[in-house]
Amino acid sequence: MSIEAHKCNQPGCKGFVVFENADFDLRDVPMDEKYRCYAFDRPYCSECGKEFLVVPHYIVIEVADKDFGDWEQIESACYTKYERRQRELKMNTR
């Protein structure tokens, strides 16, 4: 199992986009039905719920426009930062 975490690019959001990449096969990339492009996964931000795509270039992009004329790669983060943020959120809700 290999888990990736990326920082959400939504202004003011401290969430992460987390997904498992162990089963990604570069020789058989599925077509995303919603956006009609090749994408391994469609993860969401852990806090704001914003949707992203994991595309074959092995980057995570923001879905800004359906024609993909305008897209932004989001910053990578380690899974430990994601876990730390989840603990912080649990402590703040008690």
PDB file of N, CA and C in Angstrom:
ATOM      1  N   MET A   1       0.846  -1.173   0.000  1.00  0.00           N
ATOM      2  CA  MET A   1       0.000   0.000   0.000  1.00  0.00           C
ATOM      3  C   MET A   1       0.891   1.236   0.000  1.00  0.00           C
ATOM      4  N   SER A   2       0.553   2.193  -0.840  1.00  0.00           N
ATOM      5  CA  SER A   2       1.283   3.448  -0.913  1.00  0.00           C
ATOM      6  C   SER A   2       0.265   4.583  -0.893  1.00  0.00           C
ATOM      7  N   ILE A   3       0.356   5.434   0.102  1.00  0.00           N
ATOM      8  CA  ILE A   3      -0.608   6.513   0.258  1.00  0.00           C
ATOM      9  C   ILE A   3       0.083   7.837  -0.027  1.00  0.00           C
ATOM     10  N   GLU A   4      -0.564   8.669  -0.841  1.00  0.00           N
ATOM     11  CA  GLU A   4      -0.046   9.994  -1.154  1.00  0.00           C
ATOM     12  C   GLU A   4      -0.923  11.045  -0.513  1.00  0.00           C
ATOM     13  N   ALA A   5      -0.309  12.145  -0.139  1.00  0.00           N
ATOM     14  CA  ALA A   5      -1.037  13.289   0.410  1.00  0.00           C
ATOM     15  C   ALA A   5      -0.539  14.546  -0.300  1.00  0.00           C
ATOM     16  N   HIS A   6      -1.474  15.426  -0.630  1.00  0.00           N
ATOM     17  CA  HIS A   6      -1.159  16.704  -1.258  1.00  0.00           C
ATOM     18  C   HIS A   6      -1.943  17.782  -0.533  1.00  0.00           C
ATOM     19  N   LYS A   7      -1.361  18.968  -0.421  1.00  0.00           N
ATOM     20  CA  LYS A   7      -2.053  20.078   0.234  1.00  0.00           C
ATOM     21  C   LYS A   7      -3.139  20.623  -0.687  1.00  0.00           C
ATOM     22  N   CYS A   8      -4.300  20.906  -0.129  1.00  0.00           N
ATOM     23  CA  CYS A   8      -5.387  21.513  -0.889  1.00  0.00           C
ATOM     24  C   CYS A   8      -4.975  22.938  -1.269  1.00  0.00           C
ATOM     25  N   ASN A   9      -5.373  23.369  -2.459  1.00  0.00           N
ATOM     26  CA  ASN A   9      -5.001  24.711  -2.912  1.00  0.00           C
ATOM     27  C   ASN A   9      -6.124  25.722  -2.742  1.00  0.00           C
ATOM     28  N   GLN A  10      -7.197  25.354  -2.081  1.00  0.00           N
ATOM     29  CA  GLN A  10      -8.298  26.279  -1.816  1.00  0.00           C
ATOM     30  C   GLN A  10      -7.826  27.319  -0.802  1.00  0.00           C
ATOM     31  N   PRO A  11      -7.984  28.618  -1.078  1.00  0.00           N
ATOM     32  CA  PRO A  11      -7.535  29.647  -0.131  1.00  0.00           C
ATOM     33  C   PRO A  11      -8.132  29.446   1.266  1.00  0.00           C
ATOM     34  N   GLY A  12      -7.278  29.445   2.269  1.00  0.00           N
ATOM     35  CA  GLY A  12      -7.706  29.302   3.653  1.00  0.00           C
ATOM     36  C   GLY A  12      -7.935  27.866   4.112  1.00  0.00           C
ATOM     37  N   CYS A  13      -7.876  26.907   3.216  1.00  0.00           N
ATOM     38  CA  CYS A  13      -8.109  25.513   3.587  1.00  0.00           C
ATOM     39  C   CYS A  13      -6.796  24.875   4.036  1.00  0.00           C
ATOM     40  N   LYS A  14      -6.858  24.119   5.124  1.00  0.00           N
ATOM     41  CA  LYS A  14      -5.684  23.425   5.638  1.00  0.00           C
ATOM     42  C   LYS A  14      -5.790  21.919   5.401  1.00  0.00           C
ATOM     43  N   GLY A  15      -6.706  21.518   4.542  1.00  0.00           N
ATOM     44  CA  GLY A  15      -6.951  20.112   4.286  1.00  0.00           C
ATOM     45  C   GLY A  15      -5.952  19.480   3.333  1.00  0.00           C
ATOM     46  N   PHE A  16      -6.122  18.174   3.140  1.00  0.00           N
ATOM     47  CA  PHE A  16      -5.230  17.398   2.289  1.00  0.00           C
ATOM     48  C   PHE A  16      -6.042  16.534   1.328  1.00  0.00           C
ATOM     49  N   VAL A  17      -5.459  16.280   0.178  1.00  0.00           N
ATOM     50  CA  VAL A  17      -6.025  15.369  -0.806  1.00  0.00           C
ATOM     51  C   VAL A  17      -5.222  14.072  -0.651  1.00  0.00           C
ATOM     52  N   VAL A  18      -5.872  13.013  -0.174  1.00  0.00           N
ATOM     53  CA  VAL A  18      -5.194  11.769   0.162  1.00  0.00           C
ATOM     54  C   VAL A  18      -5.777  10.634  -0.690  1.00  0.00           C
ATOM     55  N   PHE A  19      -4.885   9.794  -1.220  1.00  0.00           N
ATOM     56  CA  PHE A  19      -5.344   8.652  -2.013  1.00  0.00           C
ATOM     57  C   PHE A  19      -4.284   7.563  -2.011  1.00  0.00           C
ATOM     58  N   GLU A  20      -4.715   6.341  -2.301  1.00  0.00           N
ATOM     59  CA  GLU A  20      -3.812   5.194  -2.387  1.00  0.00           C
ATOM     60  C   GLU A  20      -3.424   5.003  -3.846  1.00  0.00           C
ATOM     61  N   ASN A  21      -2.128   4.869  -4.102  1.00  0.00           N
ATOM     62  CA  ASN A  21      -1.674   4.765  -5.490  1.00  0.00           C
ATOM     63  C   ASN A  21      -1.057   3.405  -5.824  1.00  0.00           C
ATOM     64  N   ALA A  22      -1.170   2.436  -4.962  1.00  0.00           N
ATOM     65  CA  ALA A  22      -0.507   1.141  -5.153  1.00  0.00           C
ATOM     66  C   ALA A  22      -0.985   0.398  -6.390  1.00  0.00           C
ATOM     67  N   ASP A  23      -2.232   0.570  -6.769  1.00  0.00           N
ATOM     68  CA  ASP A  23      -2.787  -0.197  -7.883  1.00  0.00           C
ATOM     69  C   ASP A  23      -2.825   0.565  -9.204  1.00  0.00           C
ATOM     70  N   PHE A  24      -2.189   1.713  -9.288  1.00  0.00           N
ATOM     71  CA  PHE A  24      -2.194   2.480 -10.537  1.00  0.00           C
ATOM     72  C   PHE A  24      -1.356   1.755 -11.586  1.00  0.00           C
ATOM     73  N   ASP A  25      -1.934   1.509 -12.733  1.00  0.00           N
ATOM     74  CA  ASP A  25      -1.249   0.821 -13.824  1.00  0.00           C
ATOM     75  C   ASP A  25      -1.127   1.785 -14.998  1.00  0.00           C
ATOM     76  N   LEU A  26       0.080   2.247 -15.282  1.00  0.00           N
ATOM     77  CA  LEU A  26       0.294   3.220 -16.352  1.00  0.00           C
ATOM     78  C   LEU A  26      -0.011   2.651 -17.736  1.00  0.00           C
ATOM     79  N   ARG A  27      -0.103   1.344 -17.842  1.00  0.00           N
ATOM     80  CA  ARG A  27      -0.430   0.732 -19.127  1.00  0.00           C
ATOM     81  C   ARG A  27      -1.929   0.599 -19.344  1.00  0.00           C
ATOM     82  N   ASP A  28      -2.710   0.859 -18.300  1.00  0.00           N
ATOM     83  CA  ASP A  28      -4.163   0.726 -18.395  1.00  0.00           C
ATOM     84  C   ASP A  28      -4.830   1.817 -17.558  1.00  0.00           C
ATOM     85  N   VAL A  29      -4.793   3.027 -18.060  1.00  0.00           N
ATOM     86  CA  VAL A  29      -5.364   4.168 -17.334  1.00  0.00           C
ATOM     87  C   VAL A  29      -6.843   4.283 -17.705  1.00  0.00           C
ATOM     88  N   PRO A  30      -7.729   4.298 -16.701  1.00  0.00           N
ATOM     89  CA  PRO A  30      -9.164   4.382 -16.999  1.00  0.00           C
ATOM     90  C   PRO A  30      -9.586   5.777 -17.466  1.00  0.00           C
ATOM     91  N   MET A  31     -10.661   5.818 -18.226  1.00  0.00           N
ATOM     92  CA  MET A  31     -11.255   7.072 -18.673  1.00  0.00           C
ATOM     93  C   MET A  31     -12.231   7.543 -17.593  1.00  0.00           C
ATOM     94  N   ASP A  32     -12.068   8.777 -17.131  1.00  0.00           N
ATOM     95  CA  ASP A  32     -12.999   9.340 -16.155  1.00  0.00           C
ATOM     96  C   ASP A  32     -14.293   9.695 -16.887  1.00  0.00           C
ATOM     97  N   GLU A  33     -15.403   9.141 -16.442  1.00  0.00           N
ATOM     98  CA  GLU A  33     -16.690   9.336 -17.116  1.00  0.00           C
ATOM     99  C   GLU A  33     -17.191  10.777 -17.019  1.00  0.00           C
ATOM    100  N   LYS A  34     -16.956  11.409 -15.891  1.00  0.00           N
ATOM    101  CA  LYS A  34     -17.475  12.761 -15.675  1.00  0.00           C
ATOM    102  C   LYS A  34     -16.720  13.796 -16.513  1.00  0.00           C
ATOM    103  N   TYR A  35     -15.384  13.721 -16.522  1.00  0.00           N
ATOM    104  CA  TYR A  35     -14.577  14.748 -17.183  1.00  0.00           C
ATOM    105  C   TYR A  35     -14.041  14.311 -18.548  1.00  0.00           C
ATOM    106  N   ARG A  36     -14.295  13.061 -18.925  1.00  0.00           N
ATOM    107  CA  ARG A  36     -13.888  12.543 -20.230  1.00  0.00           C
ATOM    108  C   ARG A  36     -12.395  12.732 -20.490  1.00  0.00           C
ATOM    109  N   CYS A  37     -11.598  12.337 -19.515  1.00  0.00           N
ATOM    110  CA  CYS A  37     -10.143  12.370 -19.649  1.00  0.00           C
ATOM    111  C   CYS A  37      -9.586  11.152 -18.914  1.00  0.00           C
ATOM    112  N   TYR A  38      -8.327  10.858 -19.131  1.00  0.00           N
ATOM    113  CA  TYR A  38      -7.694   9.749 -18.425  1.00  0.00           C
ATOM    114  C   TYR A  38      -7.316  10.190 -17.021  1.00  0.00           C
ATOM    115  N   ALA A  39      -7.768   9.427 -16.026  1.00  0.00           N
ATOM    116  CA  ALA A  39      -7.483   9.762 -14.634  1.00  0.00           C
ATOM    117  C   ALA A  39      -7.537   8.490 -13.790  1.00  0.00           C
ATOM    118  N   PHE A  40      -6.604   8.362 -12.872  1.00  0.00           N
ATOM    119  CA  PHE A  40      -6.568   7.196 -11.996  1.00  0.00           C
ATOM    120  C   PHE A  40      -7.625   7.260 -10.899  1.00  0.00           C
ATOM    121  N   ASP A  41      -7.863   8.454 -10.396  1.00  0.00           N
ATOM    122  CA  ASP A  41      -8.734   8.595  -9.234  1.00  0.00           C
ATOM    123  C   ASP A  41      -9.296  10.004  -9.205  1.00  0.00           C
ATOM    124  N   ARG A  42     -10.362  10.180  -8.432  1.00  0.00           N
ATOM    125  CA  ARG A  42     -10.982  11.484  -8.257  1.00  0.00           C
ATOM    126  C   ARG A  42     -11.131  11.743  -6.747  1.00  0.00           C
ATOM    127  N   PRO A  43     -10.005  12.056  -6.059  1.00  0.00           N
ATOM    128  CA  PRO A  43     -10.072  12.272  -4.605  1.00  0.00           C
ATOM    129  C   PRO A  43     -10.626  13.657  -4.258  1.00  0.00           C
ATOM    130  N   TYR A  44     -10.991  13.810  -2.991  1.00  0.00           N
ATOM    131  CA  TYR A  44     -11.546  15.060  -2.474  1.00  0.00           C
ATOM    132  C   TYR A  44     -10.699  15.564  -1.319  1.00  0.00           C
ATOM    133  N   CYS A  45     -10.747  16.861  -1.076  1.00  0.00           N
ATOM    134  CA  CYS A  45     -10.044  17.454   0.067  1.00  0.00           C
ATOM    135  C   CYS A  45     -10.672  16.927   1.359  1.00  0.00           C
ATOM    136  N   SER A  46      -9.832  16.661   2.346  1.00  0.00           N
ATOM    137  CA  SER A  46     -10.305  16.114   3.621  1.00  0.00           C
ATOM    138  C   SER A  46     -11.112  17.123   4.434  1.00  0.00           C
ATOM    139  N   GLU A  47     -11.003  18.417   4.106  1.00  0.00           N
ATOM    140  CA  GLU A  47     -11.721  19.424   4.898  1.00  0.00           C
ATOM    141  C   GLU A  47     -12.781  20.185   4.108  1.00  0.00           C
ATOM    142  N   CYS A  48     -12.440  20.690   2.922  1.00  0.00           N
ATOM    143  CA  CYS A  48     -13.413  21.507   2.185  1.00  0.00           C
ATOM    144  C   CYS A  48     -14.202  20.703   1.157  1.00  0.00           C
ATOM    145  N   GLY A  49     -13.758  19.486   0.855  1.00  0.00           N
ATOM    146  CA  GLY A  49     -14.490  18.631  -0.066  1.00  0.00           C
ATOM    147  C   GLY A  49     -14.253  18.923  -1.542  1.00  0.00           C
ATOM    148  N   LYS A  50     -13.320  19.800  -1.854  1.00  0.00           N
ATOM    149  CA  LYS A  50     -13.031  20.141  -3.246  1.00  0.00           C
ATOM    150  C   LYS A  50     -12.535  18.905  -3.992  1.00  0.00           C
ATOM    151  N   GLU A  51     -12.980  18.753  -5.246  1.00  0.00           N
ATOM    152  CA  GLU A  51     -12.641  17.588  -6.055  1.00  0.00           C
ATOM    153  C   GLU A  51     -11.365  17.819  -6.865  1.00  0.00           C
ATOM    154  N   PHE A  52     -10.556  16.770  -6.988  1.00  0.00           N
ATOM    155  CA  PHE A  52      -9.322  16.807  -7.772  1.00  0.00           C
ATOM    156  C   PHE A  52      -9.245  15.561  -8.640  1.00  0.00           C
ATOM    157  N   LEU A  53      -8.325  15.558  -9.602  1.00  0.00           N
ATOM    158  CA  LEU A  53      -8.087  14.388 -10.447  1.00  0.00           C
ATOM    159  C   LEU A  53      -6.632  13.963 -10.337  1.00  0.00           C
ATOM    160  N   VAL A  54      -6.392  12.658 -10.279  1.00  0.00           N
ATOM    161  CA  VAL A  54      -5.031  12.120 -10.346  1.00  0.00           C
ATOM    162  C   VAL A  54      -4.857  11.655 -11.789  1.00  0.00           C
ATOM    163  N   VAL A  55      -4.063  12.404 -12.541  1.00  0.00           N
ATOM    164  CA  VAL A  55      -3.908  12.146 -13.972  1.00  0.00           C
ATOM    165  C   VAL A  55      -2.637  11.340 -14.243  1.00  0.00           C
ATOM    166  N   PRO A  56      -2.512  10.741 -15.424  1.00  0.00           N
ATOM    167  CA  PRO A  56      -1.374   9.854 -15.723  1.00  0.00           C
ATOM    168  C   PRO A  56       0.016  10.467 -15.584  1.00  0.00           C
ATOM    169  N   HIS A  57       0.137  11.755 -15.532  1.00  0.00           N
ATOM    170  CA  HIS A  57       1.446  12.366 -15.333  1.00  0.00           C
ATOM    171  C   HIS A  57       1.903  12.223 -13.888  1.00  0.00           C
ATOM    172  N   TYR A  58       1.104  11.526 -13.115  1.00  0.00           N
ATOM    173  CA  TYR A  58       1.359  11.266 -11.710  1.00  0.00           C
ATOM    174  C   TYR A  58       1.417  12.537 -10.890  1.00  0.00           C
ATOM    175  N   ILE A  59       0.523  13.448 -11.215  1.00  0.00           N
ATOM    176  CA  ILE A  59       0.340  14.673 -10.452  1.00  0.00           C
ATOM    177  C   ILE A  59      -1.134  14.761 -10.098  1.00  0.00           C
ATOM    178  N   VAL A  60      -1.461  15.609  -9.170  1.00  0.00           N
ATOM    179  CA  VAL A  60      -2.851  15.846  -8.801  1.00  0.00           C
ATOM    180  C   VAL A  60      -3.185  17.250  -9.253  1.00  0.00           C
ATOM    181  N   ILE A  61      -4.274  17.383 -10.025  1.00  0.00           N
ATOM    182  CA  ILE A  61      -4.634  18.691 -10.556  1.00  0.00           C
ATOM    183  C   ILE A  61      -5.993  19.131 -10.051  1.00  0.00           C
ATOM    184  N   GLU A  62      -6.172  20.436 -10.020  1.00  0.00           N
ATOM    185  CA  GLU A  62      -7.462  21.025  -9.677  1.00  0.00           C
ATOM    186  C   GLU A  62      -8.332  20.983 -10.929  1.00  0.00           C
ATOM    187  N   VAL A  63      -9.584  20.619 -10.752  1.00  0.00           N
ATOM    188  CA  VAL A  63     -10.508  20.590 -11.870  1.00  0.00           C
ATOM    189  C   VAL A  63     -11.124  21.986 -11.996  1.00  0.00           C
ATOM    190  N   ALA A  64     -10.463  22.864 -12.764  1.00  0.00           N
ATOM    191  CA  ALA A  64     -10.909  24.248 -12.878  1.00  0.00           C
ATOM    192  C   ALA A  64     -11.839  24.446 -14.072  1.00  0.00           C
ATOM    193  N   ASP A  65     -11.607  23.679 -15.118  1.00  0.00           N
ATOM    194  CA  ASP A  65     -12.448  23.847 -16.291  1.00  0.00           C
ATOM    195  C   ASP A  65     -12.534  22.527 -17.028  1.00  0.00           C
ATOM    196  N   LYS A  66     -13.700  22.206 -17.499  1.00  0.00           N
ATOM    197  CA  LYS A  66     -13.964  20.879 -18.060  1.00  0.00           C
ATOM    198  C   LYS A  66     -13.184  20.577 -19.326  1.00  0.00           C
ATOM    199  N   ASP A  67     -12.652  21.583 -19.995  1.00  0.00           N
ATOM    200  CA  ASP A  67     -11.856  21.349 -21.205  1.00  0.00           C
ATOM    201  C   ASP A  67     -10.376  21.222 -20.881  1.00  0.00           C
ATOM    202  N   PHE A  68     -10.010  21.379 -19.631  1.00  0.00           N
ATOM    203  CA  PHE A  68      -8.633  21.278 -19.158  1.00  0.00           C
ATOM    204  C   PHE A  68      -7.695  22.269 -19.834  1.00  0.00           C
ATOM    205  N   GLY A  69      -8.253  23.386 -20.302  1.00  0.00           N
ATOM    206  CA  GLY A  69      -7.411  24.443 -20.844  1.00  0.00           C
ATOM    207  C   GLY A  69      -6.725  25.193 -19.716  1.00  0.00           C
ATOM    208  N   ASP A  70      -7.317  25.141 -18.534  1.00  0.00           N
ATOM    209  CA  ASP A  70      -6.772  25.833 -17.369  1.00  0.00           C
ATOM    210  C   ASP A  70      -6.762  24.852 -16.212  1.00  0.00           C
ATOM    211  N   TRP A  71      -5.576  24.477 -15.736  1.00  0.00           N
ATOM    212  CA  TRP A  71      -5.469  23.567 -14.607  1.00  0.00           C
ATOM    213  C   TRP A  71      -4.265  23.954 -13.763  1.00  0.00           C
ATOM    214  N   GLU A  72      -4.265  23.488 -12.536  1.00  0.00           N
ATOM    215  CA  GLU A  72      -3.197  23.818 -11.599  1.00  0.00           C
ATOM    216  C   GLU A  72      -2.779  22.565 -10.851  1.00  0.00           C
ATOM    217  N   GLN A  73      -1.490  22.328 -10.791  1.00  0.00           N
ATOM    218  CA  GLN A  73      -0.965  21.208 -10.010  1.00  0.00           C
ATOM    219  C   GLN A  73      -0.924  21.634  -8.552  1.00  0.00           C
ATOM    220  N   ILE A  74      -1.346  20.752  -7.633  1.00  0.00           N
ATOM    221  CA  ILE A  74      -1.315  21.105  -6.214  1.00  0.00           C
ATOM    222  C   ILE A  74      -0.050  20.559  -5.572  1.00  0.00           C
ATOM    223  N   GLU A  75       0.331  21.182  -4.468  1.00  0.00           N
ATOM    224  CA  GLU A  75       1.583  20.880  -3.774  1.00  0.00           C
ATOM    225  C   GLU A  75       1.524  19.534  -3.056  1.00  0.00           C
ATOM    226  N   SER A  76       2.577  18.775  -3.197  1.00  0.00           N
ATOM    227  CA  SER A  76       2.679  17.486  -2.531  1.00  0.00           C
ATOM    228  C   SER A  76       2.964  17.685  -1.045  1.00  0.00           C
ATOM    229  N   ALA A  77       2.502  16.758  -0.229  1.00  0.00           N
ATOM    230  CA  ALA A  77       2.746  16.811   1.214  1.00  0.00           C
ATOM    231  C   ALA A  77       2.965  15.376   1.697  1.00  0.00           C
ATOM    232  N   CYS A  78       3.599  15.224   2.836  1.00  0.00           N
ATOM    233  CA  CYS A  78       3.785  13.875   3.359  1.00  0.00           C
ATOM    234  C   CYS A  78       2.537  13.453   4.145  1.00  0.00           C
ATOM    235  N   TYR A  79       2.304  12.148   4.196  1.00  0.00           N
ATOM    236  CA  TYR A  79       1.128  11.607   4.877  1.00  0.00           C
ATOM    237  C   TYR A  79       1.150  11.955   6.367  1.00  0.00           C
ATOM    238  N   THR A  80       2.331  12.115   6.931  1.00  0.00           N
ATOM    239  CA  THR A  80       2.460  12.461   8.350  1.00  0.00           C
ATOM    240  C   THR A  80       1.806  13.815   8.637  1.00  0.00           C
ATOM    241  N   LYS A  81       1.958  14.767   7.724  1.00  0.00           N
ATOM    242  CA  LYS A  81       1.311  16.075   7.903  1.00  0.00           C
ATOM    243  C   LYS A  81      -0.207  15.926   7.914  1.00  0.00           C
ATOM    244  N   TYR A  82      -0.726  15.060   7.050  1.00  0.00           N
ATOM    245  CA  TYR A  82      -2.160  14.796   7.014  1.00  0.00           C
ATOM    246  C   TYR A  82      -2.623  14.205   8.344  1.00  0.00           C
ATOM    247  N   GLU A  83      -1.904  13.209   8.854  1.00  0.00           N
ATOM    248  CA  GLU A  83      -2.273  12.592  10.127  1.00  0.00           C
ATOM    249  C   GLU A  83      -2.209  13.608  11.269  1.00  0.00           C
ATOM    250  N   ARG A  84      -1.192  14.451  11.262  1.00  0.00           N
ATOM    251  CA  ARG A  84      -1.054  15.484  12.288  1.00  0.00           C
ATOM    252  C   ARG A  84      -2.250  16.438  12.259  1.00  0.00           C
ATOM    253  N   ARG A  85      -2.671  16.820  11.048  1.00  0.00           N
ATOM    254  CA  ARG A  85      -3.815  17.725  10.902  1.00  0.00           C
ATOM    255  C   ARG A  85      -5.094  17.063  11.399  1.00  0.00           C
ATOM    256  N   GLN A  86      -5.279  15.764  11.132  1.00  0.00           N
ATOM    257  CA  GLN A  86      -6.466  15.061  11.609  1.00  0.00           C
ATOM    258  C   GLN A  86      -6.525  15.019  13.131  1.00  0.00           C
ATOM    259  N   ARG A  87      -5.358  14.789  13.773  1.00  0.00           N
ATOM    260  CA  ARG A  87      -5.303  14.810  15.245  1.00  0.00           C
ATOM    261  C   ARG A  87      -5.636  16.200  15.774  1.00  0.00           C
ATOM    262  N   GLU A  88      -5.122  17.228  15.115  1.00  0.00           N
ATOM    263  CA  GLU A  88      -5.395  18.613  15.513  1.00  0.00           C
ATOM    264  C   GLU A  88      -6.902  18.911  15.425  1.00  0.00           C
ATOM    265  N   LEU A  89      -7.542  18.461  14.369  1.00  0.00           N
ATOM    266  CA  LEU A  89      -8.976  18.684  14.222  1.00  0.00           C
ATOM    267  C   LEU A  89      -9.775  17.965  15.305  1.00  0.00           C
ATOM    268  N   LYS A  90      -9.371  16.737  15.646  1.00  0.00           N
ATOM    269  CA  LYS A  90     -10.057  15.983  16.707  1.00  0.00           C
ATOM    270  C   LYS A  90      -9.934  16.693  18.057  1.00  0.00           C
ATOM    271  N   MET A  91      -8.736  17.235  18.325  1.00  0.00           N
ATOM    272  CA  MET A  91      -8.522  17.933  19.598  1.00  0.00           C
ATOM    273  C   MET A  91      -9.352  19.214  19.669  1.00  0.00           C
ATOM    274  N   ASN A  92      -9.528  19.898  18.556  1.00  0.00           N
ATOM    275  CA  ASN A  92     -10.282  21.143  18.536  1.00  0.00           C
ATOM    276  C   ASN A  92     -11.788  20.932  18.636  1.00  0.00           C
ATOM    277  N   THR A  93     -12.267  19.737  18.317  1.00  0.00           N
ATOM    278  CA  THR A  93     -13.706  19.474  18.382  1.00  0.00           C
ATOM    279  C   THR A  93     -14.152  18.916  19.722  1.00  0.00           C
ATOM    280  N   ARG A  94     -13.221  18.678  20.616  1.00  0.00           N
ATOM    281  CA  ARG A  94     -13.588  18.133  21.943  1.00  0.00           C
ATOM    282  C   ARG A  94     -13.971  19.194  22.884  1.00  0.00           C
TER     283      ARG A  94
END
